[in-house]
Protein backbone atom coordinates (compact mmCIF):
# COMPACT_ATOMS: atom_id res chain seq x y z
CA MET A 1 -3.74 -100.46 -26.64
CA LYS A 2 -1.30 -98.57 -24.40
CA LEU A 3 -0.46 -96.16 -27.24
CA ILE A 4 -4.14 -95.30 -27.72
CA ASP A 5 -4.54 -94.75 -23.96
CA ASP A 6 -1.44 -92.49 -23.97
CA ILE A 7 -2.76 -90.47 -26.89
CA LEU A 8 -6.18 -90.04 -25.28
CA PHE A 9 -4.56 -89.11 -21.96
CA ASP A 10 -2.31 -86.54 -23.67
CA MET A 11 -5.33 -84.92 -25.38
CA SER A 12 -6.95 -84.21 -22.03
CA PRO A 13 -7.43 -80.45 -21.47
CA LYS A 14 -6.00 -80.96 -17.98
CA ASN A 15 -2.57 -81.55 -19.53
CA GLY A 16 -2.51 -78.34 -21.55
CA SER A 17 -1.38 -74.80 -20.87
CA LEU A 18 -3.64 -71.83 -21.54
CA ALA A 19 -0.67 -69.49 -21.25
CA GLY A 20 1.18 -71.48 -23.93
CA ALA A 21 -1.86 -71.34 -26.21
CA ALA A 22 -2.20 -67.58 -25.72
CA LEU A 23 1.51 -67.01 -26.35
CA SER A 24 1.47 -69.11 -29.50
CA PHE A 25 -1.64 -67.28 -30.77
CA ILE A 26 -0.10 -63.87 -30.08
CA CYS A 27 3.17 -64.79 -31.84
CA VAL A 28 1.36 -66.00 -34.96
CA LEU A 29 -0.92 -62.96 -34.85
CA MET A 30 2.09 -60.65 -34.74
CA VAL A 31 3.91 -62.39 -37.60
CA PHE A 32 1.04 -63.06 -40.00
CA VAL A 33 -1.49 -60.28 -39.30
CA ILE A 34 -0.01 -57.26 -37.54
CA THR A 35 3.37 -57.20 -39.31
CA PRO A 36 1.81 -57.20 -42.83
CA TYR A 37 -0.54 -54.43 -41.73
CA ILE A 38 2.37 -52.32 -40.43
CA LEU A 39 4.32 -53.11 -43.60
CA PHE A 40 1.40 -51.86 -45.69
CA ALA A 41 1.18 -48.67 -43.62
CA PHE A 42 4.89 -48.05 -44.19
CA ILE A 43 4.69 -48.78 -47.93
CA SER A 44 1.53 -46.76 -48.50
CA GLY A 45 3.08 -43.84 -46.62
CA SER A 46 6.10 -43.97 -48.95
CA LEU A 47 4.16 -44.35 -52.19
CA PRO A 48 2.95 -40.75 -52.63
CA GLY A 49 6.52 -39.46 -52.57
CA ILE A 50 7.58 -42.04 -55.14
CA GLY A 51 4.56 -41.24 -57.30
CA ILE A 52 5.31 -37.52 -57.32
CA GLU A 53 8.94 -38.18 -58.18
CA PHE A 54 8.16 -40.47 -61.13
CA GLY A 55 4.81 -39.01 -62.20
CA VAL A 56 2.83 -42.15 -61.29
CA ASP A 57 -0.66 -42.34 -59.82
CA THR A 58 -0.02 -44.53 -56.77
CA SER A 59 -3.64 -45.01 -55.67
CA GLU A 60 -4.08 -48.10 -57.86
CA VAL A 61 -0.75 -49.52 -56.70
CA SER A 62 -1.72 -48.89 -53.09
CA ALA A 63 -5.08 -50.61 -53.66
CA GLY A 64 -3.29 -53.61 -55.19
CA ILE A 65 -0.89 -53.89 -52.28
CA TRP A 66 -3.78 -53.57 -49.81
CA SER A 67 -5.65 -56.36 -51.63
CA TRP A 68 -2.58 -58.60 -51.42
CA ILE A 69 -2.07 -57.83 -47.70
CA MET A 70 -5.75 -58.57 -46.99
CA ASP A 71 -5.43 -61.92 -48.80
CA MET A 72 -2.35 -62.73 -46.70
CA MET A 73 -4.23 -61.93 -43.49
CA LYS A 74 -7.35 -63.81 -44.62
CA TYR A 75 -5.39 -66.97 -45.41
CA ALA A 76 -3.56 -66.66 -42.07
CA ILE A 77 -6.75 -67.29 -40.05
CA PRO A 78 -6.29 -71.11 -40.10
CA LEU A 79 -2.69 -70.59 -38.95
CA LEU A 80 -4.03 -68.61 -35.99
CA LEU A 81 -6.48 -71.38 -35.15
CA LEU A 82 -3.84 -74.12 -35.49
CA SER A 83 -1.41 -72.19 -33.30
CA ILE A 84 -3.74 -72.51 -30.30
CA PRO A 85 -3.49 -76.31 -29.85
CA VAL A 86 0.21 -76.23 -30.84
CA GLY A 87 0.86 -73.88 -27.92
CA PHE A 88 -1.70 -75.50 -25.62
CA TYR A 89 -0.13 -78.96 -25.62
CA HIS A 90 3.40 -79.31 -24.27
CA ALA A 91 6.39 -80.57 -26.23
CA GLY A 92 6.56 -84.34 -25.84
CA SER A 93 2.78 -84.74 -25.92
CA TYR A 94 1.20 -86.97 -28.56
CA ALA A 95 -1.60 -84.42 -28.86
CA ARG A 96 0.76 -81.72 -30.15
CA VAL A 97 2.12 -83.72 -33.11
CA PRO A 98 -0.89 -83.68 -35.48
CA PHE A 99 -1.53 -79.98 -34.89
CA LYS A 100 2.11 -79.09 -35.43
CA MET A 101 2.21 -81.15 -38.64
CA LEU A 102 -0.98 -79.51 -39.90
CA PHE A 103 0.45 -76.10 -39.01
CA ALA A 104 3.61 -76.80 -41.04
CA LEU A 105 1.63 -78.18 -43.98
CA TYR A 106 -0.72 -75.20 -44.06
CA LEU A 107 2.17 -72.77 -43.60
CA GLY A 108 3.82 -74.17 -46.73
CA SER A 109 0.62 -73.83 -48.74
CA TRP A 110 0.07 -70.35 -47.28
CA LEU A 111 3.54 -69.33 -48.45
CA TRP A 112 2.74 -70.55 -51.96
CA VAL A 113 -0.62 -68.77 -52.12
CA ALA A 114 0.54 -65.56 -50.42
CA SER A 115 3.55 -65.24 -52.72
CA HIS A 116 1.51 -66.03 -55.85
CA GLY A 117 3.82 -68.93 -56.61
CA GLY A 118 6.91 -66.82 -56.00
CA VAL A 119 6.33 -64.27 -58.76
CA PHE A 120 5.20 -60.78 -57.81
CA THR A 121 4.08 -58.44 -60.57
CA MET A 122 2.98 -54.86 -60.21
CA THR A 123 1.63 -52.72 -63.02
CA PHE A 124 1.86 -48.95 -62.98
CA PRO A 125 -0.96 -47.77 -65.30
CA SER A 126 0.54 -44.57 -66.71
CA VAL A 127 4.22 -43.82 -66.39
CA GLU A 128 5.90 -41.03 -68.27
CA ILE A 129 8.95 -42.52 -69.94
CA PHE A 130 11.04 -40.32 -72.22
CA GLY A 131 8.20 -37.84 -72.69
CA GLY A 132 5.58 -40.50 -73.58
CA SER A 133 3.02 -42.21 -71.36
CA SER A 134 2.77 -46.00 -71.17
CA ALA A 135 2.05 -48.78 -68.71
CA LEU A 136 4.96 -50.22 -66.79
CA THR A 137 4.97 -53.72 -65.33
CA ILE A 138 7.58 -54.74 -62.81
CA GLY A 139 8.03 -58.40 -61.89
CA ILE A 140 10.00 -59.87 -59.03
CA ASP A 141 10.80 -63.58 -59.25
CA VAL A 142 11.45 -65.12 -55.84
CA ARG A 143 10.34 -68.65 -56.67
CA TYR A 144 13.53 -70.28 -55.41
CA VAL A 145 13.28 -68.48 -52.08
CA VAL A 146 9.68 -69.66 -51.77
CA TYR A 147 10.75 -73.22 -52.70
CA VAL A 148 13.35 -73.20 -49.93
CA MET A 149 10.81 -71.86 -47.42
CA ILE A 150 8.32 -74.58 -48.41
CA MET A 151 11.04 -77.20 -47.97
CA ILE A 152 11.69 -75.80 -44.48
CA CYS A 153 7.96 -76.21 -43.74
CA PHE A 154 8.21 -79.81 -44.97
CA VAL A 155 11.12 -80.41 -42.59
CA MET A 156 9.07 -78.82 -39.77
CA MET A 157 6.57 -81.65 -40.17
CA PHE A 158 9.27 -84.20 -39.37
CA LEU A 159 10.63 -82.05 -36.56
CA ALA A 160 7.26 -82.46 -34.85
CA LEU A 161 8.01 -86.18 -34.55
CA SER A 162 11.56 -85.47 -33.44
CA GLU A 163 10.26 -83.08 -30.79
CA LEU A 164 7.94 -85.81 -29.52
CA GLY A 165 10.77 -88.31 -29.18
CA GLY A 166 13.19 -85.85 -27.63
CA ASN A 167 10.82 -84.37 -25.06
CA ARG A 168 8.58 -87.33 -24.20
CA LYS A 169 10.56 -88.38 -21.12
CA ASP A 170 10.65 -84.82 -19.70
CA TYR A 171 6.93 -84.41 -20.42
CA LEU A 172 6.05 -87.61 -18.55
CA GLU A 173 8.26 -86.62 -15.60
CA ALA A 174 6.53 -83.23 -15.42
CA LEU A 175 3.14 -84.95 -15.46
CA GLU A 176 4.20 -87.23 -12.60
CA LYS A 177 5.32 -84.25 -10.53
CA LYS A 178 2.03 -82.53 -11.26
CA LYS A 179 0.06 -85.64 -10.20
CA ASP A 180 2.12 -85.96 -7.00
CA SER A 181 1.56 -82.34 -6.01
CA MET A 182 -2.16 -82.63 -6.75
CA SER A 183 -2.49 -85.81 -4.68
CA LYS A 184 -0.58 -84.18 -1.78
CA ARG A 185 -2.87 -81.15 -1.88
CA LYS A 186 -5.91 -83.42 -1.98
CA ALA A 187 -4.60 -85.43 1.01
CA ARG A 188 -3.96 -82.20 2.98
CA ARG A 189 -7.48 -80.99 2.25
CA LEU A 190 -8.99 -84.29 3.37
CA SER A 191 -6.86 -84.41 6.54
CA SER A 192 -7.81 -80.85 7.51
CA ARG A 193 -11.52 -81.71 7.55
């Protein structure tokens, strides 16, 4: 029964940090939304020069890259939402563990979906090769890199439990200090009346 009381107490909004939630949201926003957008701007700015050099129409390639970047950003919305409670609750809080585990689980699935299983293919519709015109398909196989990243996400799930055990004592001490300072302020207010 004490464990349930501790969990319910930890989930109280009084024990959270709005600044931590905002910081966590901004970090995830930068990594999963703004960085891909900047990356697309850089790539799409470079494509016309490459297209002129190799005689390739880069508008379709640019549209394909933009579609992929939009999918990445669209699938990152749940990561943004999960980052809020992860940042809101302090390390050592029972309330943080399920959100951090869900974040790691979804991050692993996001990596798989965003990387198309670790195989990127791009087709250039009409490339002049040795005086003739034909379609050119380029494939990049990064499956093993994606597998390692997914394994890291799997380990992150267990690190959430490790973080709870390692920071629980400090978290409870900080809560006690917060309670003491609040009770002192309340006593001063009552004595000044």
